[in-house]
Every structure is written in C-alpha cells, then in structure tokens.
Amino acid sequence: MIPRKAAPGPGDPGEVQNGTRRTVRIATVSHTLDSDVAERLRYFAFRERISESAVIEFALRALFTDPDDAALGRRLRDAGAALRRRT
C-alpha cells in the first residue's frame, strides 16, 4: 500500500511559518493525457500564468480529498478510467 499524505493544511510544503518558508520537496512524474486535455491544460496554464504542474497538483489534491480509495476507484472506472498501455 502506498503511504497517504495528510490532507492539505498547516505544514504543507512551501508554507510560510514564523516568517520562514519551509523546504519544498518535489517529485518528477510523467503520464500520458488525452490530447484535448493536454491542450486545455497548456492553454489554461499559459493564459492564467500558472505552471502546468501547479494545475495538475491542484487537481490531484482536490481529487484525493476523498479518503475512500475504493469509492474513488469506482468513480474513476465509472467515468471510463482504465489502465493505459504504451504502444
């Protein structure tokens, strides 16, 4: 089982506490996206002057507010999510 990070709140990486910014730990990941989603992401990030990574992280944090992984998995599969294989 993958360890679960606590929900966003006080102590999040990058948060300023007592006048000092905490060290931000990041991981680089690479995933495939449908071309229409990728294009929308690029357009939105450019127009709003926000990094694509920040948009993706925000969306994933919002998705993972549901603590029930089984229910979240069902919702994703019901919406058509499945394993993807690179060809």
PDB file of N, CA and C in Angstrom:
ATOM      1  N   MET A   1       0.840  -1.183   0.000  1.00  0.00           N
ATOM      2  CA  MET A   1       0.000   0.000   0.000  1.00  0.00           C
ATOM      3  C   MET A   1       0.881   1.241   0.000  1.00  0.00           C
ATOM      4  N   ILE A   2       0.505   2.236  -0.785  1.00  0.00           N
ATOM      5  CA  ILE A   2       1.248   3.490  -0.865  1.00  0.00           C
ATOM      6  C   ILE A   2       0.868   4.358   0.321  1.00  0.00           C
ATOM      7  N   PRO A   3       1.851   4.886   1.049  1.00  0.00           N
ATOM      8  CA  PRO A   3       1.513   5.758   2.182  1.00  0.00           C
ATOM      9  C   PRO A   3       0.735   6.975   1.713  1.00  0.00           C
ATOM     10  N   ARG A   4      -0.219   7.371   2.497  1.00  0.00           N
ATOM     11  CA  ARG A   4      -1.070   8.507   2.156  1.00  0.00           C
ATOM     12  C   ARG A   4      -0.584   9.749   2.876  1.00  0.00           C
ATOM     13  N   LYS A   5      -0.453  10.837   2.129  1.00  0.00           N
ATOM     14  CA  LYS A   5      -0.094  12.116   2.719  1.00  0.00           C
ATOM     15  C   LYS A   5      -1.326  12.713   3.380  1.00  0.00           C
ATOM     16  N   ALA A   6      -1.107  13.375   4.466  1.00  0.00           N
ATOM     17  CA  ALA A   6      -2.216  14.042   5.151  1.00  0.00           C
ATOM     18  C   ALA A   6      -2.835  15.076   4.232  1.00  0.00           C
ATOM     19  N   ALA A   7      -4.093  15.364   4.473  1.00  0.00           N
ATOM     20  CA  ALA A   7      -4.809  16.373   3.686  1.00  0.00           C
ATOM     21  C   ALA A   7      -4.095  17.703   3.796  1.00  0.00           C
ATOM     22  N   PRO A   8      -4.180  18.533   2.749  1.00  0.00           N
ATOM     23  CA  PRO A   8      -3.529  19.843   2.797  1.00  0.00           C
ATOM     24  C   PRO A   8      -3.994  20.639   4.007  1.00  0.00           C
ATOM     25  N   GLY A   9      -3.090  21.354   4.582  1.00  0.00           N
ATOM     26  CA  GLY A   9      -3.403  22.172   5.743  1.00  0.00           C
ATOM     27  C   GLY A   9      -2.124  22.766   6.290  1.00  0.00           C
ATOM     28  N   PRO A  10      -2.139  23.212   7.533  1.00  0.00           N
ATOM     29  CA  PRO A  10      -0.926  23.777   8.112  1.00  0.00           C
ATOM     30  C   PRO A  10       0.224  22.786   8.000  1.00  0.00           C
ATOM     31  N   GLY A  11       1.375  23.291   7.615  1.00  0.00           N
ATOM     32  CA  GLY A  11       2.529  22.423   7.467  1.00  0.00           C
ATOM     33  C   GLY A  11       2.750  21.926   6.057  1.00  0.00           C
ATOM     34  N   ASP A  12       1.917  22.361   5.108  1.00  0.00           N
ATOM     35  CA  ASP A  12       2.126  21.967   3.719  1.00  0.00           C
ATOM     36  C   ASP A  12       3.472  22.473   3.243  1.00  0.00           C
ATOM     37  N   PRO A  13       4.146  21.711   2.343  1.00  0.00           N
ATOM     38  CA  PRO A  13       5.429  22.183   1.817  1.00  0.00           C
ATOM     39  C   PRO A  13       5.283  23.570   1.192  1.00  0.00           C
ATOM     40  N   GLY A  14       6.254  24.412   1.445  1.00  0.00           N
ATOM     41  CA  GLY A  14       6.248  25.742   0.864  1.00  0.00           C
ATOM     42  C   GLY A  14       5.495  26.769   1.685  1.00  0.00           C
ATOM     43  N   GLU A  15       4.815  26.343   2.707  1.00  0.00           N
ATOM     44  CA  GLU A  15       4.059  27.280   3.531  1.00  0.00           C
ATOM     45  C   GLU A  15       5.015  28.111   4.376  1.00  0.00           C
ATOM     46  N   VAL A  16       4.685  29.380   4.560  1.00  0.00           N
ATOM     47  CA  VAL A  16       5.497  30.245   5.404  1.00  0.00           C
ATOM     48  C   VAL A  16       5.021  30.091   6.838  1.00  0.00           C
ATOM     49  N   GLN A  17       5.956  29.747   7.720  1.00  0.00           N
ATOM     50  CA  GLN A  17       5.647  29.608   9.139  1.00  0.00           C
ATOM     51  C   GLN A  17       6.671  30.404   9.930  1.00  0.00           C
ATOM     52  N   ASN A  18       6.202  31.252  10.807  1.00  0.00           N
ATOM     53  CA  ASN A  18       7.081  32.088  11.629  1.00  0.00           C
ATOM     54  C   ASN A  18       8.095  32.853  10.780  1.00  0.00           C
ATOM     55  N   GLY A  19       7.638  33.337   9.612  1.00  0.00           N
ATOM     56  CA  GLY A  19       8.492  34.135   8.747  1.00  0.00           C
ATOM     57  C   GLY A  19       9.499  33.341   7.931  1.00  0.00           C
ATOM     58  N   THR A  20       9.461  32.017   8.007  1.00  0.00           N
ATOM     59  CA  THR A  20      10.405  31.180   7.277  1.00  0.00           C
ATOM     60  C   THR A  20       9.650  30.247   6.341  1.00  0.00           C
ATOM     61  N   ARG A  21      10.117  30.183   5.092  1.00  0.00           N
ATOM     62  CA  ARG A  21       9.482  29.281   4.122  1.00  0.00           C
ATOM     63  C   ARG A  21      10.068  27.891   4.306  1.00  0.00           C
ATOM     64  N   ARG A  22       9.174  26.892   4.394  1.00  0.00           N
ATOM     65  CA  ARG A  22       9.619  25.510   4.532  1.00  0.00           C
ATOM     66  C   ARG A  22      10.199  25.011   3.216  1.00  0.00           C
ATOM     67  N   THR A  23      11.052  24.036   3.291  1.00  0.00           N
ATOM     68  CA  THR A  23      11.640  23.428   2.104  1.00  0.00           C
ATOM     69  C   THR A  23      10.565  22.654   1.354  1.00  0.00           C
ATOM     70  N   VAL A  24      10.525  22.829   0.039  1.00  0.00           N
ATOM     71  CA  VAL A  24       9.553  22.139  -0.802  1.00  0.00           C
ATOM     72  C   VAL A  24      10.216  20.888  -1.366  1.00  0.00           C
ATOM     73  N   ARG A  25       9.589  19.743  -1.181  1.00  0.00           N
ATOM     74  CA  ARG A  25      10.069  18.500  -1.775  1.00  0.00           C
ATOM     75  C   ARG A  25       9.193  18.216  -2.984  1.00  0.00           C
ATOM     76  N   ILE A  26       9.815  17.914  -4.097  1.00  0.00           N
ATOM     77  CA  ILE A  26       9.056  17.639  -5.313  1.00  0.00           C
ATOM     78  C   ILE A  26       9.513  16.320  -5.912  1.00  0.00           C
ATOM     79  N   ALA A  27       8.649  15.736  -6.715  1.00  0.00           N
ATOM     80  CA  ALA A  27       8.958  14.528  -7.469  1.00  0.00           C
ATOM     81  C   ALA A  27       8.564  14.775  -8.909  1.00  0.00           C
ATOM     82  N   THR A  28       9.360  14.289  -9.810  1.00  0.00           N
ATOM     83  CA  THR A  28       9.050  14.423 -11.228  1.00  0.00           C
ATOM     84  C   THR A  28       8.329  13.168 -11.673  1.00  0.00           C
ATOM     85  N   VAL A  29       7.176  13.347 -12.311  1.00  0.00           N
ATOM     86  CA  VAL A  29       6.398  12.222 -12.831  1.00  0.00           C
ATOM     87  C   VAL A  29       6.034  12.512 -14.278  1.00  0.00           C
ATOM     88  N   SER A  30       5.781  11.470 -15.022  1.00  0.00           N
ATOM     89  CA  SER A  30       5.410  11.620 -16.422  1.00  0.00           C
ATOM     90  C   SER A  30       4.251  10.682 -16.725  1.00  0.00           C
ATOM     91  N   HIS A  31       3.178  11.241 -17.247  1.00  0.00           N
ATOM     92  CA  HIS A  31       1.990  10.455 -17.564  1.00  0.00           C
ATOM     93  C   HIS A  31       1.421  10.903 -18.894  1.00  0.00           C
ATOM     94  N   THR A  32       0.686  10.031 -19.529  1.00  0.00           N
ATOM     95  CA  THR A  32       0.041  10.393 -20.787  1.00  0.00           C
ATOM     96  C   THR A  32      -1.315  11.021 -20.507  1.00  0.00           C
ATOM     97  N   LEU A  33      -1.697  11.962 -21.354  1.00  0.00           N
ATOM     98  CA  LEU A  33      -3.004  12.620 -21.275  1.00  0.00           C
ATOM     99  C   LEU A  33      -3.641  12.584 -22.646  1.00  0.00           C
ATOM    100  N   ASP A  34      -4.962  12.544 -22.680  1.00  0.00           N
ATOM    101  CA  ASP A  34      -5.650  12.716 -23.956  1.00  0.00           C
ATOM    102  C   ASP A  34      -5.242  14.072 -24.513  1.00  0.00           C
ATOM    103  N   SER A  35      -5.115  14.169 -25.821  1.00  0.00           N
ATOM    104  CA  SER A  35      -4.614  15.404 -26.435  1.00  0.00           C
ATOM    105  C   SER A  35      -5.504  16.600 -26.136  1.00  0.00           C
ATOM    106  N   ASP A  36      -6.829  16.408 -26.050  1.00  0.00           N
ATOM    107  CA  ASP A  36      -7.697  17.552 -25.762  1.00  0.00           C
ATOM    108  C   ASP A  36      -7.485  18.067 -24.339  1.00  0.00           C
ATOM    109  N   VAL A  37      -7.245  17.169 -23.403  1.00  0.00           N
ATOM    110  CA  VAL A  37      -6.986  17.582 -22.018  1.00  0.00           C
ATOM    111  C   VAL A  37      -5.638  18.302 -21.942  1.00  0.00           C
ATOM    112  N   ALA A  38      -4.629  17.761 -22.618  1.00  0.00           N
ATOM    113  CA  ALA A  38      -3.300  18.379 -22.613  1.00  0.00           C
ATOM    114  C   ALA A  38      -3.343  19.775 -23.230  1.00  0.00           C
ATOM    115  N   GLU A  39      -4.080  19.926 -24.321  1.00  0.00           N
ATOM    116  CA  GLU A  39      -4.189  21.234 -24.963  1.00  0.00           C
ATOM    117  C   GLU A  39      -4.901  22.225 -24.054  1.00  0.00           C
ATOM    118  N   ARG A  40      -5.966  21.795 -23.418  1.00  0.00           N
ATOM    119  CA  ARG A  40      -6.699  22.667 -22.483  1.00  0.00           C
ATOM    120  C   ARG A  40      -5.807  23.072 -21.313  1.00  0.00           C
ATOM    121  N   LEU A  41      -5.031  22.123 -20.812  1.00  0.00           N
ATOM    122  CA  LEU A  41      -4.097  22.398 -19.723  1.00  0.00           C
ATOM    123  C   LEU A  41      -3.076  23.455 -20.140  1.00  0.00           C
ATOM    124  N   ARG A  42      -2.468  23.277 -21.302  1.00  0.00           N
ATOM    125  CA  ARG A  42      -1.472  24.235 -21.779  1.00  0.00           C
ATOM    126  C   ARG A  42      -2.083  25.622 -21.957  1.00  0.00           C
ATOM    127  N   TYR A  43      -3.262  25.680 -22.573  1.00  0.00           N
ATOM    128  CA  TYR A  43      -3.925  26.954 -22.807  1.00  0.00           C
ATOM    129  C   TYR A  43      -4.255  27.646 -21.483  1.00  0.00           C
ATOM    130  N   PHE A  44      -4.867  26.903 -20.566  1.00  0.00           N
ATOM    131  CA  PHE A  44      -5.251  27.470 -19.274  1.00  0.00           C
ATOM    132  C   PHE A  44      -4.033  27.965 -18.502  1.00  0.00           C
ATOM    133  N   ALA A  45      -3.001  27.131 -18.416  1.00  0.00           N
ATOM    134  CA  ALA A  45      -1.806  27.499 -17.658  1.00  0.00           C
ATOM    135  C   ALA A  45      -1.143  28.748 -18.253  1.00  0.00           C
ATOM    136  N   PHE A  46      -1.061  28.805 -19.583  1.00  0.00           N
ATOM    137  CA  PHE A  46      -0.470  29.967 -20.236  1.00  0.00           C
ATOM    138  C   PHE A  46      -1.297  31.222 -19.974  1.00  0.00           C
ATOM    139  N   ARG A  47      -2.599  31.133 -20.201  1.00  0.00           N
ATOM    140  CA  ARG A  47      -3.483  32.299 -20.048  1.00  0.00           C
ATOM    141  C   ARG A  47      -3.490  32.818 -18.618  1.00  0.00           C
ATOM    142  N   GLU A  48      -3.490  31.905 -17.652  1.00  0.00           N
ATOM    143  CA  GLU A  48      -3.570  32.304 -16.246  1.00  0.00           C
ATOM    144  C   GLU A  48      -2.207  32.503 -15.593  1.00  0.00           C
ATOM    145  N   ARG A  49      -1.133  32.259 -16.379  1.00  0.00           N
ATOM    146  CA  ARG A  49       0.230  32.421 -15.870  1.00  0.00           C
ATOM    147  C   ARG A  49       0.459  31.567 -14.631  1.00  0.00           C
ATOM    148  N   ILE A  50       0.089  30.302 -14.748  1.00  0.00           N
ATOM    149  CA  ILE A  50       0.262  29.296 -13.702  1.00  0.00           C
ATOM    150  C   ILE A  50       0.962  28.112 -14.362  1.00  0.00           C
ATOM    151  N   SER A  51       1.875  27.482 -13.672  1.00  0.00           N
ATOM    152  CA  SER A  51       2.564  26.352 -14.285  1.00  0.00           C
ATOM    153  C   SER A  51       1.603  25.179 -14.485  1.00  0.00           C
ATOM    154  N   GLU A  52       1.858  24.412 -15.535  1.00  0.00           N
ATOM    155  CA  GLU A  52       1.052  23.213 -15.780  1.00  0.00           C
ATOM    156  C   GLU A  52       1.140  22.279 -14.587  1.00  0.00           C
ATOM    157  N   SER A  53       2.312  22.159 -13.993  1.00  0.00           N
ATOM    158  CA  SER A  53       2.484  21.290 -12.824  1.00  0.00           C
ATOM    159  C   SER A  53       1.599  21.731 -11.660  1.00  0.00           C
ATOM    160  N   ALA A  54       1.493  23.036 -11.457  1.00  0.00           N
ATOM    161  CA  ALA A  54       0.655  23.543 -10.360  1.00  0.00           C
ATOM    162  C   ALA A  54      -0.813  23.217 -10.598  1.00  0.00           C
ATOM    163  N   VAL A  55      -1.255  23.313 -11.847  1.00  0.00           N
ATOM    164  CA  VAL A  55      -2.642  22.981 -12.178  1.00  0.00           C
ATOM    165  C   VAL A  55      -2.902  21.499 -11.913  1.00  0.00           C
ATOM    166  N   ILE A  56      -1.985  20.650 -12.361  1.00  0.00           N
ATOM    167  CA  ILE A  56      -2.136  19.209 -12.170  1.00  0.00           C
ATOM    168  C   ILE A  56      -2.133  18.860 -10.687  1.00  0.00           C
ATOM    169  N   GLU A  57      -1.205  19.448  -9.924  1.00  0.00           N
ATOM    170  CA  GLU A  57      -1.142  19.160  -8.495  1.00  0.00           C
ATOM    171  C   GLU A  57      -2.423  19.608  -7.783  1.00  0.00           C
ATOM    172  N   PHE A  58      -2.936  20.777  -8.141  1.00  0.00           N
ATOM    173  CA  PHE A  58      -4.177  21.265  -7.541  1.00  0.00           C
ATOM    174  C   PHE A  58      -5.322  20.288  -7.819  1.00  0.00           C
ATOM    175  N   ALA A  59      -5.423  19.852  -9.084  1.00  0.00           N
ATOM    176  CA  ALA A  59      -6.496  18.936  -9.465  1.00  0.00           C
ATOM    177  C   ALA A  59      -6.379  17.606  -8.726  1.00  0.00           C
ATOM    178  N   LEU A  60      -5.168  17.093  -8.597  1.00  0.00           N
ATOM    179  CA  LEU A  60      -4.985  15.821  -7.894  1.00  0.00           C
ATOM    180  C   LEU A  60      -5.270  15.957  -6.405  1.00  0.00           C
ATOM    181  N   ARG A  61      -4.838  17.062  -5.802  1.00  0.00           N
ATOM    182  CA  ARG A  61      -5.151  17.262  -4.377  1.00  0.00           C
ATOM    183  C   ARG A  61      -6.665  17.322  -4.161  1.00  0.00           C
ATOM    184  N   ALA A  62      -7.381  17.984  -5.077  1.00  0.00           N
ATOM    185  CA  ALA A  62      -8.839  18.050  -4.969  1.00  0.00           C
ATOM    186  C   ALA A  62      -9.444  16.657  -5.128  1.00  0.00           C
ATOM    187  N   LEU A  63      -8.928  15.884  -6.073  1.00  0.00           N
ATOM    188  CA  LEU A  63      -9.420  14.523  -6.290  1.00  0.00           C
ATOM    189  C   LEU A  63      -9.200  13.657  -5.061  1.00  0.00           C
ATOM    190  N   PHE A  64      -8.037  13.787  -4.434  1.00  0.00           N
ATOM    191  CA  PHE A  64      -7.680  12.923  -3.316  1.00  0.00           C
ATOM    192  C   PHE A  64      -8.220  13.405  -1.974  1.00  0.00           C
ATOM    193  N   THR A  65      -9.122  14.390  -1.974  1.00  0.00           N
ATOM    194  CA  THR A  65      -9.767  14.760  -0.710  1.00  0.00           C
ATOM    195  C   THR A  65     -10.722  13.666  -0.256  1.00  0.00           C
ATOM    196  N   ASP A  66     -11.123  12.797  -1.179  1.00  0.00           N
ATOM    197  CA  ASP A  66     -11.962  11.645  -0.840  1.00  0.00           C
ATOM    198  C   ASP A  66     -11.067  10.589  -0.211  1.00  0.00           C
ATOM    199  N   PRO A  67     -11.236  10.300   1.095  1.00  0.00           N
ATOM    200  CA  PRO A  67     -10.349   9.345   1.758  1.00  0.00           C
ATOM    201  C   PRO A  67     -10.652   7.882   1.420  1.00  0.00           C
ATOM    202  N   ASP A  68     -11.752   7.614   0.760  1.00  0.00           N
ATOM    203  CA  ASP A  68     -12.149   6.238   0.444  1.00  0.00           C
ATOM    204  C   ASP A  68     -11.619   5.856  -0.940  1.00  0.00           C
ATOM    205  N   ASP A  69     -10.465   5.189  -0.958  1.00  0.00           N
ATOM    206  CA  ASP A  69      -9.841   4.828  -2.227  1.00  0.00           C
ATOM    207  C   ASP A  69     -10.725   3.925  -3.080  1.00  0.00           C
ATOM    208  N   ALA A  70     -11.438   3.007  -2.452  1.00  0.00           N
ATOM    209  CA  ALA A  70     -12.303   2.093  -3.215  1.00  0.00           C
ATOM    210  C   ALA A  70     -13.417   2.872  -3.914  1.00  0.00           C
ATOM    211  N   ALA A  71     -14.029   3.810  -3.203  1.00  0.00           N
ATOM    212  CA  ALA A  71     -15.096   4.612  -3.803  1.00  0.00           C
ATOM    213  C   ALA A  71     -14.538   5.501  -4.915  1.00  0.00           C
ATOM    214  N   LEU A  72     -13.360   6.065  -4.692  1.00  0.00           N
ATOM    215  CA  LEU A  72     -12.727   6.900  -5.708  1.00  0.00           C
ATOM    216  C   LEU A  72     -12.404   6.066  -6.943  1.00  0.00           C
ATOM    217  N   GLY A  73     -11.890   4.853  -6.733  1.00  0.00           N
ATOM    218  CA  GLY A  73     -11.609   3.960  -7.852  1.00  0.00           C
ATOM    219  C   GLY A  73     -12.858   3.639  -8.650  1.00  0.00           C
ATOM    220  N   ARG A  74     -13.957   3.380  -7.949  1.00  0.00           N
ATOM    221  CA  ARG A  74     -15.235   3.097  -8.640  1.00  0.00           C
ATOM    222  C   ARG A  74     -15.683   4.305  -9.453  1.00  0.00           C
ATOM    223  N   ARG A  75     -15.585   5.498  -8.855  1.00  0.00           N
ATOM    224  CA  ARG A  75     -15.984   6.714  -9.577  1.00  0.00           C
ATOM    225  C   ARG A  75     -15.149   6.903 -10.839  1.00  0.00           C
ATOM    226  N   LEU A  76     -13.859   6.667 -10.731  1.00  0.00           N
ATOM    227  CA  LEU A  76     -12.992   6.821 -11.895  1.00  0.00           C
ATOM    228  C   LEU A  76     -13.320   5.785 -12.970  1.00  0.00           C
ATOM    229  N   ARG A  77     -13.477   4.518 -12.560  1.00  0.00           N
ATOM    230  CA  ARG A  77     -13.830   3.479 -13.541  1.00  0.00           C
ATOM    231  C   ARG A  77     -15.188   3.752 -14.175  1.00  0.00           C
ATOM    232  N   ASP A  78     -16.157   4.217 -13.381  1.00  0.00           N
ATOM    233  CA  ASP A  78     -17.478   4.563 -13.925  1.00  0.00           C
ATOM    234  C   ASP A  78     -17.388   5.692 -14.958  1.00  0.00           C
ATOM    235  N   ALA A  79     -16.360   6.543 -14.807  1.00  0.00           N
ATOM    236  CA  ALA A  79     -16.165   7.640 -15.759  1.00  0.00           C
ATOM    237  C   ALA A  79     -15.307   7.222 -16.948  1.00  0.00           C
ATOM    238  N   GLY A  80     -14.939   5.931 -16.988  1.00  0.00           N
ATOM    239  CA  GLY A  80     -14.207   5.410 -18.139  1.00  0.00           C
ATOM    240  C   GLY A  80     -12.711   5.265 -17.935  1.00  0.00           C
ATOM    241  N   ALA A  81     -12.213   5.499 -16.740  1.00  0.00           N
ATOM    242  CA  ALA A  81     -10.775   5.364 -16.493  1.00  0.00           C
ATOM    243  C   ALA A  81     -10.392   3.885 -16.514  1.00  0.00           C
ATOM    244  N   ALA A  82      -9.225   3.605 -17.042  1.00  0.00           N
ATOM    245  CA  ALA A  82      -8.710   2.229 -17.111  1.00  0.00           C
ATOM    246  C   ALA A  82      -7.196   2.296 -17.209  1.00  0.00           C
ATOM    247  N   LEU A  83      -6.544   1.155 -17.108  1.00  0.00           N
ATOM    248  CA  LEU A  83      -5.105   1.098 -17.319  1.00  0.00           C
ATOM    249  C   LEU A  83      -4.795   1.497 -18.745  1.00  0.00           C
ATOM    250  N   ARG A  84      -3.680   2.178 -18.949  1.00  0.00           N
ATOM    251  CA  ARG A  84      -3.239   2.541 -20.286  1.00  0.00           C
ATOM    252  C   ARG A  84      -1.924   1.838 -20.545  1.00  0.00           C
ATOM    253  N   ARG A  85      -1.793   1.332 -21.726  1.00  0.00           N
ATOM    254  CA  ARG A  85      -0.547   0.660 -22.130  1.00  0.00           C
ATOM    255  C   ARG A  85       0.097   1.480 -23.223  1.00  0.00           C
ATOM    256  N   ARG A  86       1.394   1.698 -23.092  1.00  0.00           N
ATOM    257  CA  ARG A  86       2.112   2.399 -24.168  1.00  0.00           C
ATOM    258  C   ARG A  86       2.324   1.431 -25.317  1.00  0.00           C
ATOM    259  N   THR A  87       2.147   1.929 -26.524  1.00  0.00           N
ATOM    260  CA  THR A  87       2.328   1.070 -27.699  1.00  0.00           C
ATOM    261  C   THR A  87       3.498   1.533 -28.522  1.00  0.00           C
TER     262      THR A  87
END
